[in-house]
Every structure is written in structure tokens, then in C-alpha cells.
Amino acid sequence: RMTGTLLDLARQYGVTTPGGTRIDINLTNQELANLIGTTRETANRILNDFRKSGVLEIERQKITITNEVRLRSWL
């Protein structure tokens, strides 16, 4: 669910940057968790797994998808 939600947000609010597609809205981890119907802790764990895998970066509540092809492979 997280993968699909991030890709949907990138399609709706994404801004192309040299580092990838930045989702140009401020989202707290709690708000993202609410969107996918899970707890904040689970959302944090998933986001950290994605970050460690090199598919996204998070800075100041902004998510940048750095490897969309790899992220899509997890749908």
C-alpha cells in the first residue's frame, strides 16, 4: 500500500529534481500512515526500509523518490 500511495502522490504532486521526483507537499509520518491505514510506527519502518534500499530520500517532511523503477517493482 505504501508503494502505491507514494507513486500516486508523486504523480499528483511530484516535481522533477536532479535527485528524482520530489513529492511537493508536507506530510508527517502520521498523515502518511493514515493514508495507508496503518500505524505511524509501521509507516516509519517502511519508509526507513525504502530509504536504506535507495529508492527514496526524506528531508524536512519532503519525500524524494530517487529510484522509481525499483519502487514500482515492489507493487
C-alpha atoms as a PDB file:
ATOM      1  CA  ARG A   1       0.000   0.000   0.000  1.00  0.00           C
ATOM      2  CA  MET A   2       2.814   2.411   0.802  1.00  0.00           C
ATOM      3  CA  THR A   3       4.390   1.922  -2.625  1.00  0.00           C
ATOM      4  CA  GLY A   4       1.158   2.679  -4.470  1.00  0.00           C
ATOM      5  CA  THR A   5       0.417   5.681  -2.277  1.00  0.00           C
ATOM      6  CA  LEU A   6       3.878   7.170  -2.806  1.00  0.00           C
ATOM      7  CA  LEU A   7       3.611   6.690  -6.563  1.00  0.00           C
ATOM      8  CA  ASP A   8       0.129   8.275  -6.588  1.00  0.00           C
ATOM      9  CA  LEU A   9       1.377  11.247  -4.564  1.00  0.00           C
ATOM     10  CA  ALA A  10       4.357  11.614  -6.896  1.00  0.00           C
ATOM     11  CA  ARG A  11       2.042  11.614  -9.902  1.00  0.00           C
ATOM     12  CA  GLN A  12      -0.239  14.256  -8.357  1.00  0.00           C
ATOM     13  CA  TYR A  13       2.283  16.454  -6.553  1.00  0.00           C
ATOM     14  CA  GLY A  14       5.644  15.405  -7.960  1.00  0.00           C
ATOM     15  CA  VAL A  15       8.272  17.901  -9.031  1.00  0.00           C
ATOM     16  CA  THR A  16      11.203  16.665 -11.096  1.00  0.00           C
ATOM     17  CA  THR A  17      14.543  17.463  -9.486  1.00  0.00           C
ATOM     18  CA  PRO A  18      18.102  16.364 -10.289  1.00  0.00           C
ATOM     19  CA  GLY A  19      17.787  13.829  -7.450  1.00  0.00           C
ATOM     20  CA  GLY A  20      14.465  12.332  -8.533  1.00  0.00           C
ATOM     21  CA  THR A  21      10.791  13.150  -8.109  1.00  0.00           C
ATOM     22  CA  ARG A  22      10.058  15.218  -5.006  1.00  0.00           C
ATOM     23  CA  ILE A  23       6.555  14.935  -3.564  1.00  0.00           C
ATOM     24  CA  ASP A  24       5.912  18.643  -3.123  1.00  0.00           C
ATOM     25  CA  ILE A  25       3.603  18.568  -0.117  1.00  0.00           C
ATOM     26  CA  ASN A  26       4.467  18.431   3.563  1.00  0.00           C
ATOM     27  CA  LEU A  27       3.351  15.129   5.026  1.00  0.00           C
ATOM     28  CA  THR A  28       4.023  13.928   8.530  1.00  0.00           C
ATOM     29  CA  ASN A  29       4.628  10.237   9.004  1.00  0.00           C
ATOM     30  CA  GLN A  30       1.332  10.095  10.892  1.00  0.00           C
ATOM     31  CA  GLU A  31      -0.547  11.607   7.943  1.00  0.00           C
ATOM     32  CA  LEU A  32       1.100   9.137   5.585  1.00  0.00           C
ATOM     33  CA  ALA A  33       0.228   6.288   7.955  1.00  0.00           C
ATOM     34  CA  ASN A  34      -3.394   7.459   7.994  1.00  0.00           C
ATOM     35  CA  LEU A  35      -3.458   7.458   4.173  1.00  0.00           C
ATOM     36  CA  ILE A  36      -2.438   3.805   4.019  1.00  0.00           C
ATOM     37  CA  GLY A  37      -4.377   2.668   7.078  1.00  0.00           C
ATOM     38  CA  THR A  38      -1.513   1.729   9.384  1.00  0.00           C
ATOM     39  CA  THR A  39       0.280   2.995  12.458  1.00  0.00           C
ATOM     40  CA  ARG A  40       2.917   5.706  12.446  1.00  0.00           C
ATOM     41  CA  GLU A  41       5.473   3.172  13.646  1.00  0.00           C
ATOM     42  CA  THR A  42       4.790   0.846  10.721  1.00  0.00           C
ATOM     43  CA  ALA A  43       4.905   3.737   8.253  1.00  0.00           C
ATOM     44  CA  ASN A  44       8.255   4.831   9.741  1.00  0.00           C
ATOM     45  CA  ARG A  45       9.653   1.318   9.396  1.00  0.00           C
ATOM     46  CA  ILE A  46       8.547   1.035   5.760  1.00  0.00           C
ATOM     47  CA  LEU A  47       9.943   4.467   4.878  1.00  0.00           C
ATOM     48  CA  ASN A  48      13.255   3.629   6.546  1.00  0.00           C
ATOM     49  CA  ASP A  49      13.411   0.330   4.639  1.00  0.00           C
ATOM     50  CA  PHE A  50      12.788   2.229   1.382  1.00  0.00           C
ATOM     51  CA  ARG A  51      15.424   4.807   2.305  1.00  0.00           C
ATOM     52  CA  LYS A  52      18.004   2.137   3.139  1.00  0.00           C
ATOM     53  CA  SER A  53      17.212   0.403  -0.164  1.00  0.00           C
ATOM     54  CA  GLY A  54      17.994   3.616  -2.029  1.00  0.00           C
ATOM     55  CA  VAL A  55      14.551   4.252  -3.519  1.00  0.00           C
ATOM     56  CA  LEU A  56      13.795   7.464  -1.652  1.00  0.00           C
ATOM     57  CA  GLU A  57      15.196  10.225   0.489  1.00  0.00           C
ATOM     58  CA  ILE A  58      13.381  12.137   3.206  1.00  0.00           C
ATOM     59  CA  GLU A  59      14.286  15.676   4.204  1.00  0.00           C
ATOM     60  CA  ARG A  60      12.114  18.094   6.187  1.00  0.00           C
ATOM     61  CA  GLN A  61       8.885  16.142   5.605  1.00  0.00           C
ATOM     62  CA  LYS A  62       9.572  16.051   1.853  1.00  0.00           C
ATOM     63  CA  ILE A  63       9.947  12.685   0.167  1.00  0.00           C
ATOM     64  CA  THR A  64      12.015  12.369  -2.996  1.00  0.00           C
ATOM     65  CA  ILE A  65      11.690   9.169  -4.995  1.00  0.00           C
ATOM     66  CA  THR A  66      15.223   8.538  -6.233  1.00  0.00           C
ATOM     67  CA  ASN A  67      14.625   5.200  -7.981  1.00  0.00           C
ATOM     68  CA  GLU A  68      11.077   4.975  -9.318  1.00  0.00           C
ATOM     69  CA  VAL A  69      11.744   1.832 -11.367  1.00  0.00           C
ATOM     70  CA  ARG A  70      12.845  -0.070  -8.287  1.00  0.00           C
ATOM     71  CA  LEU A  71       9.963   1.318  -6.220  1.00  0.00           C
ATOM     72  CA  ARG A  72       7.469   0.234  -8.895  1.00  0.00           C
ATOM     73  CA  SER A  73       8.925  -3.275  -8.810  1.00  0.00           C
ATOM     74  CA  TRP A  74       7.539  -3.589  -5.262  1.00  0.00           C
ATOM     75  CA  LEU A  75       3.923  -3.006  -6.301  1.00  0.00           C
END
